[in-house]
């Protein structure tokens, strides 16, 4: 089941974030996301196993953060969560943008399956734990039929 994130979800959402991110969001950032963004969670057996945070901006949106608990990855939950979360956006975005670490091939494959494609590269964008930096791939998804024809 996919639903809006609630304050009672913040502990588990933060735990998932800490398991999957090298530079995780703080609890305060998650608290702010509930009020300011479209923040959703996905549950399996009444347990939150993932989350998605989308930022509507005029007639566009940004995918700020998304994660599935490592024990639940590879089951199609990320695709379902992303697809249904996008459908909940009230601003009917023309396009949705995201940034992803170049090394995160599983996420890139998920985004490509969801009709995102690469449009740019931000060099040395993400910090790594060892002090080095990693490129960010910038991807976009066209959401309206007329707009998506421009990318074909």
N, C-alpha and C. Protein backbone atom coordinates (compact mmCIF):
# COMPACT_ATOMS: atom_id res chain seq x y z
N UNK A 1 0.83 -1.17 0.00
CA UNK A 1 0.00 0.00 0.00
C UNK A 1 0.89 1.25 0.00
N UNK A 2 0.50 2.21 -0.81
CA UNK A 2 1.22 3.48 -0.87
C UNK A 2 0.31 4.56 -0.30
N UNK A 3 0.89 5.38 0.58
CA UNK A 3 0.11 6.43 1.24
C UNK A 3 1.03 7.60 1.54
N UNK A 4 0.43 8.71 1.97
CA UNK A 4 1.22 9.88 2.35
C UNK A 4 2.01 9.58 3.62
N UNK A 5 3.22 10.10 3.69
CA UNK A 5 4.06 9.94 4.87
C UNK A 5 3.45 10.72 6.03
N UNK A 6 3.54 10.14 7.22
CA UNK A 6 3.04 10.77 8.44
C UNK A 6 4.19 10.91 9.43
N UNK A 7 3.98 11.75 10.44
CA UNK A 7 5.01 11.95 11.47
C UNK A 7 5.39 10.63 12.13
N UNK A 8 4.44 9.73 12.28
CA UNK A 8 4.73 8.44 12.91
C UNK A 8 5.65 7.55 12.06
N UNK A 9 5.85 7.90 10.78
CA UNK A 9 6.72 7.13 9.89
C UNK A 9 8.17 7.60 9.95
N UNK A 10 8.43 8.74 10.57
CA UNK A 10 9.75 9.37 10.46
C UNK A 10 10.89 8.50 10.99
N UNK A 11 10.65 7.76 12.04
CA UNK A 11 11.72 6.92 12.61
C UNK A 11 12.15 5.84 11.61
N UNK A 12 11.21 5.10 11.05
CA UNK A 12 11.56 4.03 10.11
C UNK A 12 12.09 4.60 8.80
N UNK A 13 11.53 5.72 8.35
CA UNK A 13 12.01 6.35 7.12
C UNK A 13 13.46 6.78 7.30
N UNK A 14 13.76 7.36 8.44
CA UNK A 14 15.14 7.77 8.74
C UNK A 14 16.07 6.56 8.83
N UNK A 15 15.59 5.46 9.39
CA UNK A 15 16.40 4.24 9.47
C UNK A 15 16.71 3.70 8.07
N UNK A 16 15.71 3.68 7.20
CA UNK A 16 15.92 3.22 5.82
C UNK A 16 16.93 4.13 5.13
N UNK A 17 16.76 5.42 5.28
CA UNK A 17 17.67 6.39 4.68
C UNK A 17 19.11 6.14 5.13
N UNK A 18 19.30 5.89 6.41
CA UNK A 18 20.65 5.65 6.94
C UNK A 18 21.25 4.34 6.43
N UNK A 19 20.42 3.39 6.06
CA UNK A 19 20.92 2.13 5.51
C UNK A 19 21.40 2.27 4.06
N UNK A 20 20.79 3.19 3.33
CA UNK A 20 21.06 3.23 1.88
C UNK A 20 21.85 4.44 1.40
N UNK A 21 21.98 5.48 2.21
CA UNK A 21 22.65 6.70 1.76
C UNK A 21 23.98 6.92 2.48
N UNK A 22 24.97 7.37 1.75
CA UNK A 22 26.25 7.69 2.38
C UNK A 22 26.18 9.04 3.09
N UNK A 23 25.30 9.92 2.66
CA UNK A 23 25.10 11.23 3.27
C UNK A 23 23.59 11.43 3.48
N UNK A 24 23.04 10.77 4.51
CA UNK A 24 21.58 10.74 4.69
C UNK A 24 20.99 12.07 5.13
N UNK A 25 19.71 12.23 4.81
CA UNK A 25 18.94 13.37 5.30
C UNK A 25 18.81 13.26 6.82
N UNK A 26 18.59 14.40 7.44
CA UNK A 26 18.36 14.42 8.89
C UNK A 26 16.87 14.21 9.16
N UNK A 27 16.57 13.89 10.40
CA UNK A 27 15.17 13.73 10.81
C UNK A 27 14.41 15.03 10.56
N UNK A 28 15.04 16.16 10.80
CA UNK A 28 14.39 17.46 10.59
C UNK A 28 14.04 17.66 9.11
N UNK A 29 14.92 17.25 8.21
CA UNK A 29 14.62 17.36 6.78
C UNK A 29 13.39 16.52 6.42
N UNK A 30 13.29 15.33 7.00
CA UNK A 30 12.12 14.50 6.74
C UNK A 30 10.86 15.15 7.31
N UNK A 31 10.96 15.72 8.50
CA UNK A 31 9.81 16.41 9.10
C UNK A 31 9.34 17.53 8.18
N UNK A 32 10.27 18.31 7.66
CA UNK A 32 9.93 19.41 6.76
C UNK A 32 9.34 18.91 5.45
N UNK A 33 9.77 17.74 5.00
CA UNK A 33 9.28 17.22 3.73
C UNK A 33 7.80 16.85 3.80
N UNK A 34 7.33 16.47 4.99
CA UNK A 34 5.91 16.12 5.12
C UNK A 34 5.03 17.33 4.82
N UNK A 35 5.45 18.49 5.29
CA UNK A 35 4.65 19.71 5.10
C UNK A 35 4.88 20.34 3.74
N UNK A 36 6.11 20.27 3.22
CA UNK A 36 6.43 21.04 2.03
C UNK A 36 6.41 20.31 0.70
N UNK A 37 6.44 18.99 0.72
CA UNK A 37 6.55 18.23 -0.52
C UNK A 37 5.51 17.11 -0.55
N UNK A 38 5.47 16.39 -1.66
CA UNK A 38 4.65 15.18 -1.72
C UNK A 38 5.54 14.05 -1.23
N UNK A 39 5.30 13.62 0.00
CA UNK A 39 6.11 12.58 0.64
C UNK A 39 5.23 11.36 0.85
N UNK A 40 5.65 10.24 0.26
CA UNK A 40 4.86 9.02 0.34
C UNK A 40 5.70 7.88 0.90
N UNK A 41 5.00 6.85 1.38
CA UNK A 41 5.67 5.63 1.84
C UNK A 41 4.97 4.44 1.20
N UNK A 42 5.69 3.34 1.15
CA UNK A 42 5.11 2.08 0.71
C UNK A 42 5.23 1.09 1.85
N UNK A 43 4.13 0.38 2.10
CA UNK A 43 4.08 -0.60 3.18
C UNK A 43 3.95 -2.01 2.62
N UNK A 44 4.56 -2.93 3.33
CA UNK A 44 4.39 -4.37 3.09
C UNK A 44 4.07 -4.96 4.46
N UNK A 45 2.97 -5.70 4.57
CA UNK A 45 2.57 -6.32 5.84
C UNK A 45 2.54 -5.28 6.98
N UNK A 46 1.95 -4.13 6.70
CA UNK A 46 1.80 -3.03 7.67
C UNK A 46 3.11 -2.48 8.18
N UNK A 47 4.18 -2.64 7.41
CA UNK A 47 5.50 -2.11 7.79
C UNK A 47 6.02 -1.23 6.64
N UNK A 48 6.42 -0.01 6.96
CA UNK A 48 6.99 0.88 5.95
C UNK A 48 8.32 0.29 5.47
N UNK A 49 8.45 0.11 4.15
CA UNK A 49 9.67 -0.45 3.59
C UNK A 49 10.33 0.49 2.58
N UNK A 50 9.72 1.65 2.34
CA UNK A 50 10.31 2.59 1.41
C UNK A 50 9.59 3.92 1.43
N UNK A 51 10.21 4.91 0.80
CA UNK A 51 9.63 6.24 0.76
C UNK A 51 10.05 6.96 -0.51
N UNK A 52 9.29 8.00 -0.84
CA UNK A 52 9.55 8.81 -2.03
C UNK A 52 9.19 10.25 -1.69
N UNK A 53 10.06 11.18 -2.07
CA UNK A 53 9.80 12.60 -1.81
C UNK A 53 9.93 13.36 -3.13
N UNK A 54 8.81 13.93 -3.55
CA UNK A 54 8.74 14.71 -4.78
C UNK A 54 8.46 16.17 -4.44
N UNK A 55 9.12 17.07 -5.13
CA UNK A 55 8.96 18.50 -4.93
C UNK A 55 8.27 19.10 -6.15
N UNK A 56 6.97 19.45 -6.04
CA UNK A 56 6.32 20.13 -7.15
C UNK A 56 6.85 21.56 -7.28
N UNK A 57 7.14 21.98 -8.51
CA UNK A 57 7.62 23.34 -8.78
C UNK A 57 6.92 23.82 -10.05
N UNK A 58 5.94 24.71 -9.86
CA UNK A 58 5.15 25.22 -10.98
C UNK A 58 4.59 24.05 -11.78
N UNK A 59 4.98 23.92 -13.07
CA UNK A 59 4.46 22.83 -13.89
C UNK A 59 5.48 21.70 -14.05
N UNK A 60 6.40 21.60 -13.10
CA UNK A 60 7.41 20.53 -13.11
C UNK A 60 7.46 19.91 -11.72
N UNK A 61 8.35 18.94 -11.56
CA UNK A 61 8.60 18.35 -10.24
C UNK A 61 10.03 17.84 -10.21
N UNK A 62 10.55 17.73 -8.99
CA UNK A 62 11.88 17.15 -8.77
C UNK A 62 11.73 15.95 -7.85
N UNK A 63 12.34 14.86 -8.22
CA UNK A 63 12.42 13.72 -7.32
C UNK A 63 13.62 13.98 -6.42
N UNK A 64 13.34 14.31 -5.16
CA UNK A 64 14.41 14.68 -4.23
C UNK A 64 15.07 13.46 -3.61
N UNK A 65 14.28 12.46 -3.28
CA UNK A 65 14.81 11.33 -2.52
C UNK A 65 13.86 10.16 -2.64
N UNK A 66 14.44 8.97 -2.76
CA UNK A 66 13.63 7.77 -2.80
C UNK A 66 14.50 6.62 -2.33
N UNK A 67 13.92 5.73 -1.54
CA UNK A 67 14.68 4.58 -1.06
C UNK A 67 13.74 3.44 -0.70
N UNK A 68 14.23 2.24 -0.91
CA UNK A 68 13.56 1.01 -0.48
C UNK A 68 14.52 0.30 0.47
N UNK A 69 13.99 -0.25 1.55
CA UNK A 69 14.82 -0.99 2.50
C UNK A 69 15.62 -2.05 1.74
N UNK A 70 16.91 -2.20 2.05
CA UNK A 70 17.74 -3.17 1.32
C UNK A 70 17.16 -4.58 1.26
N UNK A 71 16.47 -5.03 2.30
CA UNK A 71 15.90 -6.38 2.30
C UNK A 71 14.72 -6.52 1.34
N UNK A 72 14.18 -5.39 0.86
CA UNK A 72 13.01 -5.41 -0.03
C UNK A 72 13.34 -4.96 -1.45
N UNK A 73 14.60 -4.64 -1.71
CA UNK A 73 14.98 -4.18 -3.04
C UNK A 73 14.92 -5.34 -4.05
N UNK A 74 14.68 -4.99 -5.30
CA UNK A 74 14.64 -5.97 -6.37
C UNK A 74 13.31 -6.68 -6.52
N UNK A 75 12.28 -6.19 -5.85
CA UNK A 75 10.95 -6.81 -5.88
C UNK A 75 9.93 -5.97 -6.64
N UNK A 76 10.38 -4.88 -7.27
CA UNK A 76 9.47 -4.02 -8.01
C UNK A 76 8.78 -2.97 -7.16
N UNK A 77 9.12 -2.89 -5.88
CA UNK A 77 8.47 -1.91 -5.00
C UNK A 77 8.85 -0.48 -5.35
N UNK A 78 10.10 -0.26 -5.74
CA UNK A 78 10.56 1.07 -6.11
C UNK A 78 9.80 1.60 -7.32
N UNK A 79 9.63 0.75 -8.31
CA UNK A 79 8.89 1.14 -9.52
C UNK A 79 7.45 1.50 -9.17
N UNK A 80 6.81 0.65 -8.37
CA UNK A 80 5.43 0.89 -7.95
C UNK A 80 5.32 2.19 -7.16
N UNK A 81 6.24 2.38 -6.21
CA UNK A 81 6.22 3.58 -5.37
C UNK A 81 6.40 4.83 -6.21
N UNK A 82 7.37 4.83 -7.12
CA UNK A 82 7.62 6.00 -7.95
C UNK A 82 6.42 6.30 -8.85
N UNK A 83 5.91 5.28 -9.50
CA UNK A 83 4.80 5.46 -10.43
C UNK A 83 3.56 6.02 -9.71
N UNK A 84 3.21 5.43 -8.59
CA UNK A 84 2.02 5.88 -7.87
C UNK A 84 2.23 7.24 -7.21
N UNK A 85 3.45 7.53 -6.77
CA UNK A 85 3.73 8.83 -6.18
C UNK A 85 3.61 9.94 -7.22
N UNK A 86 4.15 9.69 -8.41
CA UNK A 86 4.03 10.67 -9.49
C UNK A 86 2.55 10.93 -9.81
N UNK A 87 1.75 9.87 -9.80
CA UNK A 87 0.32 10.02 -10.09
C UNK A 87 -0.39 10.88 -9.05
N UNK A 88 0.16 10.97 -7.84
CA UNK A 88 -0.45 11.77 -6.78
C UNK A 88 -0.12 13.26 -6.87
N UNK A 89 0.84 13.63 -7.70
CA UNK A 89 1.20 15.04 -7.84
C UNK A 89 0.00 15.83 -8.34
N UNK A 90 -0.32 16.89 -7.64
CA UNK A 90 -1.52 17.68 -7.97
C UNK A 90 -1.24 18.75 -9.03
N UNK A 91 0.04 19.04 -9.31
CA UNK A 91 0.35 20.10 -10.27
C UNK A 91 0.44 19.58 -11.70
N UNK A 92 0.15 18.29 -11.92
CA UNK A 92 0.20 17.70 -13.26
C UNK A 92 1.46 18.13 -14.02
N UNK A 93 2.64 17.74 -13.51
CA UNK A 93 3.88 18.25 -14.11
C UNK A 93 4.07 17.83 -15.56
N UNK A 94 4.66 18.74 -16.31
CA UNK A 94 5.02 18.46 -17.69
C UNK A 94 6.24 17.55 -17.72
N UNK A 95 7.13 17.77 -16.77
CA UNK A 95 8.34 16.95 -16.69
C UNK A 95 8.80 16.83 -15.24
N UNK A 96 9.53 15.76 -14.97
CA UNK A 96 10.07 15.51 -13.64
C UNK A 96 11.57 15.28 -13.78
N UNK A 97 12.34 15.94 -12.92
CA UNK A 97 13.79 15.84 -12.94
C UNK A 97 14.30 15.07 -11.72
N UNK A 98 15.48 14.49 -11.86
CA UNK A 98 16.16 13.85 -10.75
C UNK A 98 17.65 13.83 -11.01
N UNK A 99 18.39 13.63 -9.92
CA UNK A 99 19.83 13.42 -10.00
C UNK A 99 20.13 12.09 -9.32
N UNK A 100 21.06 11.34 -9.88
CA UNK A 100 21.41 10.04 -9.31
C UNK A 100 22.91 9.83 -9.44
N UNK A 101 23.49 9.19 -8.45
CA UNK A 101 24.92 8.87 -8.51
C UNK A 101 25.20 8.00 -9.73
N UNK A 102 26.26 8.32 -10.42
CA UNK A 102 26.65 7.57 -11.62
C UNK A 102 26.84 6.08 -11.32
N UNK A 103 27.29 5.76 -10.11
CA UNK A 103 27.54 4.36 -9.74
C UNK A 103 26.28 3.60 -9.35
N UNK A 104 25.17 4.28 -9.17
CA UNK A 104 23.95 3.63 -8.70
C UNK A 104 23.17 3.03 -9.88
N UNK A 105 23.72 1.95 -10.41
CA UNK A 105 23.15 1.34 -11.61
C UNK A 105 21.74 0.79 -11.39
N UNK A 106 21.46 0.28 -10.19
CA UNK A 106 20.12 -0.25 -9.92
C UNK A 106 19.08 0.87 -9.99
N UNK A 107 19.41 2.03 -9.41
CA UNK A 107 18.48 3.16 -9.46
C UNK A 107 18.33 3.67 -10.89
N UNK A 108 19.42 3.75 -11.61
CA UNK A 108 19.35 4.22 -13.00
C UNK A 108 18.46 3.31 -13.82
N UNK A 109 18.58 2.00 -13.63
CA UNK A 109 17.72 1.04 -14.35
C UNK A 109 16.25 1.24 -13.98
N UNK A 110 15.99 1.47 -12.69
CA UNK A 110 14.61 1.73 -12.25
C UNK A 110 14.07 2.99 -12.92
N UNK A 111 14.86 4.05 -12.93
CA UNK A 111 14.40 5.30 -13.52
C UNK A 111 14.18 5.15 -15.02
N UNK A 112 15.06 4.43 -15.69
CA UNK A 112 14.87 4.20 -17.13
C UNK A 112 13.60 3.39 -17.39
N UNK A 113 13.33 2.42 -16.54
CA UNK A 113 12.09 1.63 -16.66
C UNK A 113 10.87 2.53 -16.47
N UNK A 114 11.03 3.59 -15.68
CA UNK A 114 9.95 4.55 -15.42
C UNK A 114 9.94 5.69 -16.45
N UNK A 115 10.65 5.51 -17.55
CA UNK A 115 10.68 6.46 -18.68
C UNK A 115 11.47 7.73 -18.42
N UNK A 116 12.42 7.70 -17.49
CA UNK A 116 13.37 8.79 -17.34
C UNK A 116 14.53 8.52 -18.30
N UNK A 117 15.18 9.57 -18.75
CA UNK A 117 16.39 9.40 -19.55
C UNK A 117 17.38 10.50 -19.20
N UNK A 118 18.64 10.20 -19.44
CA UNK A 118 19.71 11.15 -19.09
C UNK A 118 19.70 12.35 -20.01
N UNK A 119 19.84 13.54 -19.39
CA UNK A 119 19.94 14.76 -20.18
C UNK A 119 21.23 15.53 -19.91
N UNK A 120 21.91 15.20 -18.82
CA UNK A 120 23.14 15.93 -18.50
C UNK A 120 23.93 15.16 -17.45
N UNK A 121 25.10 15.71 -17.13
CA UNK A 121 25.98 15.12 -16.13
C UNK A 121 26.56 16.26 -15.30
N UNK A 122 26.47 16.14 -13.99
CA UNK A 122 27.11 17.11 -13.09
C UNK A 122 28.37 16.46 -12.56
N UNK A 123 29.50 16.98 -12.99
CA UNK A 123 30.77 16.38 -12.60
C UNK A 123 31.10 16.67 -11.14
N UNK A 124 31.61 15.63 -10.48
CA UNK A 124 32.07 15.73 -9.09
C UNK A 124 31.02 16.32 -8.16
N UNK A 125 29.79 15.91 -8.32
CA UNK A 125 28.67 16.47 -7.57
C UNK A 125 28.49 15.85 -6.19
N UNK A 126 28.49 14.52 -6.13
CA UNK A 126 28.23 13.83 -4.86
C UNK A 126 29.52 13.55 -4.11
N UNK A 127 29.56 13.85 -2.81
CA UNK A 127 30.73 13.48 -2.01
C UNK A 127 30.68 12.00 -1.64
N UNK A 128 31.84 11.39 -1.62
CA UNK A 128 31.95 10.01 -1.15
C UNK A 128 32.55 10.01 0.25
N UNK A 129 32.36 8.93 0.96
CA UNK A 129 32.87 8.83 2.34
C UNK A 129 34.38 8.97 2.42
N UNK A 130 35.07 8.56 1.35
CA UNK A 130 36.54 8.61 1.36
C UNK A 130 37.09 9.98 0.97
N UNK A 131 36.21 10.97 0.77
CA UNK A 131 36.65 12.31 0.41
C UNK A 131 36.66 12.58 -1.08
N UNK A 132 36.56 11.54 -1.90
CA UNK A 132 36.49 11.73 -3.34
C UNK A 132 35.07 12.20 -3.71
N UNK A 133 34.87 12.44 -5.00
CA UNK A 133 33.57 12.91 -5.45
C UNK A 133 33.12 12.07 -6.65
N UNK A 134 31.82 12.06 -6.85
CA UNK A 134 31.24 11.23 -7.91
C UNK A 134 30.29 12.08 -8.76
N UNK A 135 30.24 11.77 -10.05
CA UNK A 135 29.35 12.49 -10.97
C UNK A 135 27.89 12.16 -10.67
N UNK A 136 27.03 13.13 -10.95
CA UNK A 136 25.58 12.94 -10.87
C UNK A 136 25.03 12.92 -12.29
N UNK A 137 24.21 11.94 -12.56
CA UNK A 137 23.49 11.89 -13.83
C UNK A 137 22.17 12.61 -13.62
N UNK A 138 21.88 13.56 -14.48
CA UNK A 138 20.62 14.29 -14.42
C UNK A 138 19.68 13.63 -15.43
N UNK A 139 18.50 13.27 -14.93
CA UNK A 139 17.53 12.57 -15.78
C UNK A 139 16.21 13.35 -15.76
N UNK A 140 15.41 13.14 -16.79
CA UNK A 140 14.11 13.77 -16.89
C UNK A 140 13.10 12.76 -17.41
N UNK A 141 11.87 12.95 -17.00
CA UNK A 141 10.74 12.17 -17.50
C UNK A 141 9.73 13.17 -18.03
N UNK A 142 9.32 13.00 -19.26
CA UNK A 142 8.26 13.83 -19.84
C UNK A 142 6.93 13.21 -19.45
N UNK A 143 6.03 14.02 -18.91
CA UNK A 143 4.78 13.48 -18.38
C UNK A 143 3.58 13.69 -19.28
N UNK A 144 3.62 14.64 -20.19
CA UNK A 144 2.48 14.83 -21.08
C UNK A 144 2.84 14.26 -22.45
N UNK A 145 1.83 13.77 -23.14
CA UNK A 145 2.06 13.16 -24.45
C UNK A 145 2.69 14.13 -25.43
N UNK A 146 2.20 15.38 -25.46
CA UNK A 146 2.74 16.36 -26.39
C UNK A 146 4.21 16.64 -26.10
N UNK A 147 4.54 16.80 -24.80
CA UNK A 147 5.90 17.10 -24.42
C UNK A 147 6.83 15.92 -24.67
N UNK A 148 6.34 14.70 -24.43
CA UNK A 148 7.21 13.53 -24.57
C UNK A 148 7.62 13.31 -26.02
N UNK A 149 6.84 13.79 -26.99
CA UNK A 149 7.21 13.65 -28.39
C UNK A 149 8.50 14.39 -28.72
N UNK A 150 8.80 15.43 -27.93
CA UNK A 150 10.02 16.20 -28.16
C UNK A 150 11.27 15.37 -27.89
N UNK A 151 11.15 14.32 -27.05
CA UNK A 151 12.30 13.52 -26.67
C UNK A 151 12.45 12.24 -27.48
N UNK A 152 11.60 12.02 -28.44
CA UNK A 152 11.65 10.78 -29.23
C UNK A 152 12.41 10.98 -30.52
